[in-house]
Amino acid sequence: MLLNAEKAAKVSDLDELYYLFELGKPLALKDPVHKASHHPIAKSMRLTTLPRLEKAQLFSEVDKVYEEALI
């Protein structure tokens, strides 16, 4: 989906494609996932599913889904 200036909050002449995610309400996991890297921020991002997230105890154990979206 090509973002328009209103959604991107910025005007651009580039023809690159970007993903726009609409986030739902936050949820609390029964058990926390530990040791997520925060530097750089891209290393703390994983697209996954809730069942896969609930199985992980460490961030490195979170299975990646749709990894091509984070290129």
PDB file of N, CA and C in Angstrom:
ATOM      1  N   MET A   1       0.849  -1.177   0.000  1.00  0.00           N
ATOM      2  CA  MET A   1       0.000   0.000   0.000  1.00  0.00           C
ATOM      3  C   MET A   1       0.889   1.233   0.000  1.00  0.00           C
ATOM      4  N   LEU A   2       0.666   2.100  -0.902  1.00  0.00           N
ATOM      5  CA  LEU A   2       1.410   3.352  -0.946  1.00  0.00           C
ATOM      6  C   LEU A   2       0.757   4.317   0.037  1.00  0.00           C
ATOM      7  N   LEU A   3       1.534   4.827   0.963  1.00  0.00           N
ATOM      8  CA  LEU A   3       0.989   5.737   1.965  1.00  0.00           C
ATOM      9  C   LEU A   3       0.826   7.127   1.383  1.00  0.00           C
ATOM     10  N   ASN A   4      -0.302   7.727   1.668  1.00  0.00           N
ATOM     11  CA  ASN A   4      -0.481   9.106   1.232  1.00  0.00           C
ATOM     12  C   ASN A   4       0.082  10.044   2.302  1.00  0.00           C
ATOM     13  N   ALA A   5       0.181  11.306   1.977  1.00  0.00           N
ATOM     14  CA  ALA A   5       0.789  12.283   2.891  1.00  0.00           C
ATOM     15  C   ALA A   5       0.046  12.359   4.215  1.00  0.00           C
ATOM     16  N   GLU A   6      -1.262  12.206   4.178  1.00  0.00           N
ATOM     17  CA  GLU A   6      -2.047  12.281   5.409  1.00  0.00           C
ATOM     18  C   GLU A   6      -1.681  11.137   6.367  1.00  0.00           C
ATOM     19  N   LYS A   7      -1.581   9.915   5.839  1.00  0.00           N
ATOM     20  CA  LYS A   7      -1.257   8.770   6.689  1.00  0.00           C
ATOM     21  C   LYS A   7       0.212   8.759   7.091  1.00  0.00           C
ATOM     22  N   ALA A   8       1.084   9.221   6.215  1.00  0.00           N
ATOM     23  CA  ALA A   8       2.514   9.217   6.506  1.00  0.00           C
ATOM     24  C   ALA A   8       2.934  10.441   7.313  1.00  0.00           C
ATOM     25  N   ALA A   9       2.089  11.450   7.341  1.00  0.00           N
ATOM     26  CA  ALA A   9       2.402  12.726   8.004  1.00  0.00           C
ATOM     27  C   ALA A   9       3.628  13.372   7.370  1.00  0.00           C
ATOM     28  N   LYS A  10       3.838  13.072   6.088  1.00  0.00           N
ATOM     29  CA  LYS A  10       5.006  13.596   5.384  1.00  0.00           C
ATOM     30  C   LYS A  10       4.747  13.501   3.883  1.00  0.00           C
ATOM     31  N   VAL A  11       5.176  14.492   3.133  1.00  0.00           N
ATOM     32  CA  VAL A  11       5.039  14.488   1.681  1.00  0.00           C
ATOM     33  C   VAL A  11       6.310  13.890   1.074  1.00  0.00           C
ATOM     34  N   SER A  12       6.127  12.997   0.096  1.00  0.00           N
ATOM     35  CA  SER A  12       7.278  12.371  -0.543  1.00  0.00           C
ATOM     36  C   SER A  12       6.937  12.040  -1.987  1.00  0.00           C
ATOM     37  N   ASP A  13       7.936  12.138  -2.870  1.00  0.00           N
ATOM     38  CA  ASP A  13       7.759  11.776  -4.269  1.00  0.00           C
ATOM     39  C   ASP A  13       8.284  10.370  -4.565  1.00  0.00           C
ATOM     40  N   LEU A  14       8.715   9.646  -3.562  1.00  0.00           N
ATOM     41  CA  LEU A  14       9.266   8.313  -3.761  1.00  0.00           C
ATOM     42  C   LEU A  14       8.162   7.309  -4.097  1.00  0.00           C
ATOM     43  N   ASP A  15       8.499   6.314  -4.901  1.00  0.00           N
ATOM     44  CA  ASP A  15       7.533   5.282  -5.276  1.00  0.00           C
ATOM     45  C   ASP A  15       7.720   3.999  -4.468  1.00  0.00           C
ATOM     46  N   GLU A  16       8.480   4.060  -3.382  1.00  0.00           N
ATOM     47  CA  GLU A  16       8.713   2.880  -2.556  1.00  0.00           C
ATOM     48  C   GLU A  16       7.431   2.481  -1.840  1.00  0.00           C
ATOM     49  N   LEU A  17       7.267   1.161  -1.636  1.00  0.00           N
ATOM     50  CA  LEU A  17       6.101   0.656  -0.920  1.00  0.00           C
ATOM     51  C   LEU A  17       6.428   0.504   0.561  1.00  0.00           C
ATOM     52  N   TYR A  18       5.454   0.787   1.394  1.00  0.00           N
ATOM     53  CA  TYR A  18       5.602   0.648   2.834  1.00  0.00           C
ATOM     54  C   TYR A  18       4.386  -0.068   3.391  1.00  0.00           C
ATOM     55  N   TYR A  19       4.542  -0.678   4.548  1.00  0.00           N
ATOM     56  CA  TYR A  19       3.432  -1.340   5.230  1.00  0.00           C
ATOM     57  C   TYR A  19       2.860  -0.401   6.274  1.00  0.00           C
ATOM     58  N   LEU A  20       1.559  -0.415   6.394  1.00  0.00           N
ATOM     59  CA  LEU A  20       0.881   0.359   7.420  1.00  0.00           C
ATOM     60  C   LEU A  20       0.150  -0.632   8.311  1.00  0.00           C
ATOM     61  N   PHE A  21       0.514  -0.670   9.579  1.00  0.00           N
ATOM     62  CA  PHE A  21      -0.107  -1.580  10.529  1.00  0.00           C
ATOM     63  C   PHE A  21      -1.036  -0.808  11.438  1.00  0.00           C
ATOM     64  N   GLU A  22      -2.193  -1.353  11.662  1.00  0.00           N
ATOM     65  CA  GLU A  22      -3.106  -0.783  12.646  1.00  0.00           C
ATOM     66  C   GLU A  22      -3.057  -1.704  13.854  1.00  0.00           C
ATOM     67  N   LEU A  23      -2.622  -1.168  14.976  1.00  0.00           N
ATOM     68  CA  LEU A  23      -2.464  -1.966  16.176  1.00  0.00           C
ATOM     69  C   LEU A  23      -3.751  -2.006  16.975  1.00  0.00           C
ATOM     70  N   GLY A  24      -4.037  -3.163  17.522  1.00  0.00           N
ATOM     71  CA  GLY A  24      -5.205  -3.322  18.373  1.00  0.00           C
ATOM     72  C   GLY A  24      -4.870  -2.964  19.814  1.00  0.00           C
ATOM     73  N   LYS A  25      -5.744  -3.336  20.703  1.00  0.00           N
ATOM     74  CA  LYS A  25      -5.532  -3.057  22.121  1.00  0.00           C
ATOM     75  C   LYS A  25      -4.341  -3.865  22.629  1.00  0.00           C
ATOM     76  N   PRO A  26      -3.553  -3.294  23.547  1.00  0.00           N
ATOM     77  CA  PRO A  26      -2.426  -4.039  24.108  1.00  0.00           C
ATOM     78  C   PRO A  26      -2.938  -5.209  24.949  1.00  0.00           C
ATOM     79  N   LEU A  27      -2.106  -6.229  25.075  1.00  0.00           N
ATOM     80  CA  LEU A  27      -2.473  -7.349  25.918  1.00  0.00           C
ATOM     81  C   LEU A  27      -1.318  -7.672  26.851  1.00  0.00           C
ATOM     82  N   ALA A  28      -1.635  -8.324  27.932  1.00  0.00           N
ATOM     83  CA  ALA A  28      -0.613  -8.728  28.890  1.00  0.00           C
ATOM     84  C   ALA A  28      -0.382 -10.222  28.732  1.00  0.00           C
ATOM     85  N   LEU A  29       0.869 -10.605  28.564  1.00  0.00           N
ATOM     86  CA  LEU A  29       1.203 -12.015  28.470  1.00  0.00           C
ATOM     87  C   LEU A  29       1.213 -12.630  29.868  1.00  0.00           C
ATOM     88  N   LYS A  30       0.817 -13.889  29.946  1.00  0.00           N
ATOM     89  CA  LYS A  30       0.846 -14.599  31.225  1.00  0.00           C
ATOM     90  C   LYS A  30       2.276 -14.654  31.763  1.00  0.00           C
ATOM     91  N   ASP A  31       3.225 -14.955  30.875  1.00  0.00           N
ATOM     92  CA  ASP A  31       4.636 -15.003  31.238  1.00  0.00           C
ATOM     93  C   ASP A  31       5.401 -14.026  30.358  1.00  0.00           C
ATOM     94  N   PRO A  32       6.261 -13.193  30.938  1.00  0.00           N
ATOM     95  CA  PRO A  32       6.994 -12.208  30.132  1.00  0.00           C
ATOM     96  C   PRO A  32       8.041 -12.855  29.235  1.00  0.00           C
ATOM     97  N   VAL A  33       8.386 -12.168  28.167  1.00  0.00           N
ATOM     98  CA  VAL A  33       9.481 -12.563  27.276  1.00  0.00           C
ATOM     99  C   VAL A  33      10.666 -11.676  27.638  1.00  0.00           C
ATOM    100  N   HIS A  34      11.790 -12.296  27.938  1.00  0.00           N
ATOM    101  CA  HIS A  34      12.959 -11.567  28.440  1.00  0.00           C
ATOM    102  C   HIS A  34      14.036 -11.399  27.376  1.00  0.00           C
ATOM    103  N   LYS A  35      14.948 -10.479  27.655  1.00  0.00           N
ATOM    104  CA  LYS A  35      16.172 -10.240  26.896  1.00  0.00           C
ATOM    105  C   LYS A  35      15.937  -9.775  25.463  1.00  0.00           C
ATOM    106  N   ALA A  36      15.047  -8.826  25.293  1.00  0.00           N
ATOM    107  CA  ALA A  36      14.864  -8.199  23.979  1.00  0.00           C
ATOM    108  C   ALA A  36      15.883  -7.080  23.838  1.00  0.00           C
ATOM    109  N   SER A  37      16.546  -7.037  22.696  1.00  0.00           N
ATOM    110  CA  SER A  37      17.509  -5.972  22.430  1.00  0.00           C
ATOM    111  C   SER A  37      16.748  -4.700  22.086  1.00  0.00           C
ATOM    112  N   HIS A  38      17.247  -3.573  22.527  1.00  0.00           N
ATOM    113  CA  HIS A  38      16.586  -2.304  22.204  1.00  0.00           C
ATOM    114  C   HIS A  38      17.469  -1.389  21.364  1.00  0.00           C
ATOM    115  N   HIS A  39      18.677  -1.831  21.048  1.00  0.00           N
ATOM    116  CA  HIS A  39      19.609  -1.008  20.269  1.00  0.00           C
ATOM    117  C   HIS A  39      20.234  -1.852  19.176  1.00  0.00           C
ATOM    118  N   PRO A  40      20.026  -1.628  17.935  1.00  0.00           N
ATOM    119  CA  PRO A  40      19.064  -0.678  17.375  1.00  0.00           C
ATOM    120  C   PRO A  40      17.641  -1.204  17.521  1.00  0.00           C
ATOM    121  N   ILE A  41      16.689  -0.329  17.420  1.00  0.00           N
ATOM    122  CA  ILE A  41      15.284  -0.680  17.647  1.00  0.00           C
ATOM    123  C   ILE A  41      14.812  -1.775  16.699  1.00  0.00           C
ATOM    124  N   ALA A  42      15.365  -1.840  15.482  1.00  0.00           N
ATOM    125  CA  ALA A  42      14.949  -2.867  14.517  1.00  0.00           C
ATOM    126  C   ALA A  42      15.186  -4.277  15.054  1.00  0.00           C
ATOM    127  N   LYS A  43      16.164  -4.444  15.937  1.00  0.00           N
ATOM    128  CA  LYS A  43      16.429  -5.777  16.504  1.00  0.00           C
ATOM    129  C   LYS A  43      15.411  -6.171  17.557  1.00  0.00           C
ATOM    130  N   SER A  44      14.589  -5.253  18.008  1.00  0.00           N
ATOM    131  CA  SER A  44      13.564  -5.571  19.004  1.00  0.00           C
ATOM    132  C   SER A  44      12.202  -5.784  18.356  1.00  0.00           C
ATOM    133  N   MET A  45      12.180  -5.868  17.041  1.00  0.00           N
ATOM    134  CA  MET A  45      10.909  -6.037  16.319  1.00  0.00           C
ATOM    135  C   MET A  45      10.829  -7.441  15.735  1.00  0.00           C
ATOM    136  N   ARG A  46       9.723  -8.104  15.981  1.00  0.00           N
ATOM    137  CA  ARG A  46       9.442  -9.413  15.384  1.00  0.00           C
ATOM    138  C   ARG A  46       7.961  -9.457  15.053  1.00  0.00           C
ATOM    139  N   LEU A  47       7.647  -9.825  13.827  1.00  0.00           N
ATOM    140  CA  LEU A  47       6.257 -10.095  13.478  1.00  0.00           C
ATOM    141  C   LEU A  47       6.037 -11.571  13.749  1.00  0.00           C
ATOM    142  N   THR A  48       5.102 -11.879  14.606  1.00  0.00           N
ATOM    143  CA  THR A  48       4.847 -13.264  14.985  1.00  0.00           C
ATOM    144  C   THR A  48       3.366 -13.424  15.270  1.00  0.00           C
ATOM    145  N   THR A  49       3.009 -14.561  15.790  1.00  0.00           N
ATOM    146  CA  THR A  49       1.615 -14.811  16.157  1.00  0.00           C
ATOM    147  C   THR A  49       1.535 -14.933  17.673  1.00  0.00           C
ATOM    148  N   LEU A  50       0.363 -14.731  18.207  1.00  0.00           N
ATOM    149  CA  LEU A  50       0.199 -14.812  19.656  1.00  0.00           C
ATOM    150  C   LEU A  50       0.559 -16.200  20.191  1.00  0.00           C
ATOM    151  N   PRO A  51       0.124 -17.297  19.569  1.00  0.00           N
ATOM    152  CA  PRO A  51       0.527 -18.615  20.086  1.00  0.00           C
ATOM    153  C   PRO A  51       2.046 -18.809  20.108  1.00  0.00           C
ATOM    154  N   ARG A  52       2.742 -18.315  19.095  1.00  0.00           N
ATOM    155  CA  ARG A  52       4.212 -18.431  19.081  1.00  0.00           C
ATOM    156  C   ARG A  52       4.837 -17.559  20.160  1.00  0.00           C
ATOM    157  N   LEU A  53       4.279 -16.393  20.380  1.00  0.00           N
ATOM    158  CA  LEU A  53       4.796 -15.495  21.408  1.00  0.00           C
ATOM    159  C   LEU A  53       4.602 -16.089  22.796  1.00  0.00           C
ATOM    160  N   GLU A  54       3.475 -16.726  23.015  1.00  0.00           N
ATOM    161  CA  GLU A  54       3.186 -17.314  24.327  1.00  0.00           C
ATOM    162  C   GLU A  54       4.098 -18.496  24.653  1.00  0.00           C
ATOM    163  N   LYS A  55       4.700 -19.115  23.645  1.00  0.00           N
ATOM    164  CA  LYS A  55       5.605 -20.248  23.866  1.00  0.00           C
ATOM    165  C   LYS A  55       7.030 -19.809  24.205  1.00  0.00           C
ATOM    166  N   ALA A  56       7.368 -18.562  23.955  1.00  0.00           N
ATOM    167  CA  ALA A  56       8.745 -18.084  24.126  1.00  0.00           C
ATOM    168  C   ALA A  56       8.978 -17.544  25.529  1.00  0.00           C
ATOM    169  N   GLN A  57      10.173 -17.829  26.041  1.00  0.00           N
ATOM    170  CA  GLN A  57      10.588 -17.237  27.308  1.00  0.00           C
ATOM    171  C   GLN A  57      11.646 -16.167  27.079  1.00  0.00           C
ATOM    172  N   LEU A  58      12.445 -16.352  26.018  1.00  0.00           N
ATOM    173  CA  LEU A  58      13.468 -15.386  25.635  1.00  0.00           C
ATOM    174  C   LEU A  58      13.111 -14.810  24.279  1.00  0.00           C
ATOM    175  N   PHE A  59      13.463 -13.565  24.066  1.00  0.00           N
ATOM    176  CA  PHE A  59      13.142 -12.918  22.789  1.00  0.00           C
ATOM    177  C   PHE A  59      13.740 -13.677  21.609  1.00  0.00           C
ATOM    178  N   SER A  60      14.915 -14.252  21.789  1.00  0.00           N
ATOM    179  CA  SER A  60      15.553 -15.010  20.707  1.00  0.00           C
ATOM    180  C   SER A  60      14.753 -16.253  20.325  1.00  0.00           C
ATOM    181  N   GLU A  61      13.832 -16.686  21.172  1.00  0.00           N
ATOM    182  CA  GLU A  61      12.993 -17.852  20.893  1.00  0.00           C
ATOM    183  C   GLU A  61      11.708 -17.497  20.162  1.00  0.00           C
ATOM    184  N   VAL A  62      11.430 -16.232  19.984  1.00  0.00           N
ATOM    185  CA  VAL A  62      10.203 -15.807  19.296  1.00  0.00           C
ATOM    186  C   VAL A  62      10.357 -16.108  17.811  1.00  0.00           C
ATOM    187  N   ASP A  63       9.516 -17.005  17.301  1.00  0.00           N
ATOM    188  CA  ASP A  63       9.563 -17.364  15.883  1.00  0.00           C
ATOM    189  C   ASP A  63       9.165 -16.171  15.027  1.00  0.00           C
ATOM    190  N   LYS A  64       9.924 -15.959  13.965  1.00  0.00           N
ATOM    191  CA  LYS A  64       9.620 -14.867  13.038  1.00  0.00           C
ATOM    192  C   LYS A  64       8.571 -15.326  12.022  1.00  0.00           C
ATOM    193  N   VAL A  65       7.613 -14.470  11.774  1.00  0.00           N
ATOM    194  CA  VAL A  65       6.590 -14.690  10.757  1.00  0.00           C
ATOM    195  C   VAL A  65       6.568 -13.423   9.903  1.00  0.00           C
ATOM    196  N   TYR A  66       6.433 -13.569   8.611  1.00  0.00           N
ATOM    197  CA  TYR A  66       6.395 -12.426   7.697  1.00  0.00           C
ATOM    198  C   TYR A  66       7.663 -11.583   7.795  1.00  0.00           C
ATOM    199  N   GLU A  67       8.813 -12.243   7.900  1.00  0.00           N
ATOM    200  CA  GLU A  67      10.078 -11.526   8.059  1.00  0.00           C
ATOM    201  C   GLU A  67      10.355 -10.569   6.903  1.00  0.00           C
ATOM    202  N   GLU A  68       9.836 -10.879   5.707  1.00  0.00           N
ATOM    203  CA  GLU A  68      10.081 -10.014   4.546  1.00  0.00           C
ATOM    204  C   GLU A  68       9.480  -8.617   4.734  1.00  0.00           C
ATOM    205  N   ALA A  69       8.547  -8.474   5.646  1.00  0.00           N
ATOM    206  CA  ALA A  69       7.941  -7.161   5.905  1.00  0.00           C
ATOM    207  C   ALA A  69       8.882  -6.243   6.676  1.00  0.00           C
ATOM    208  N   LEU A  70       9.930  -6.798   7.270  1.00  0.00           N
ATOM    209  CA  LEU A  70      10.855  -5.995   8.066  1.00  0.00           C
ATOM    210  C   LEU A  70      12.148  -5.682   7.322  1.00  0.00           C
ATOM    211  N   ILE A  71      12.161  -5.861   6.029  1.00  0.00           N
ATOM    212  CA  ILE A  71      13.376  -5.605   5.241  1.00  0.00           C
ATOM    213  C   ILE A  71      13.588  -4.112   5.110  1.00  0.00           C
TER     214      ILE A  71
END
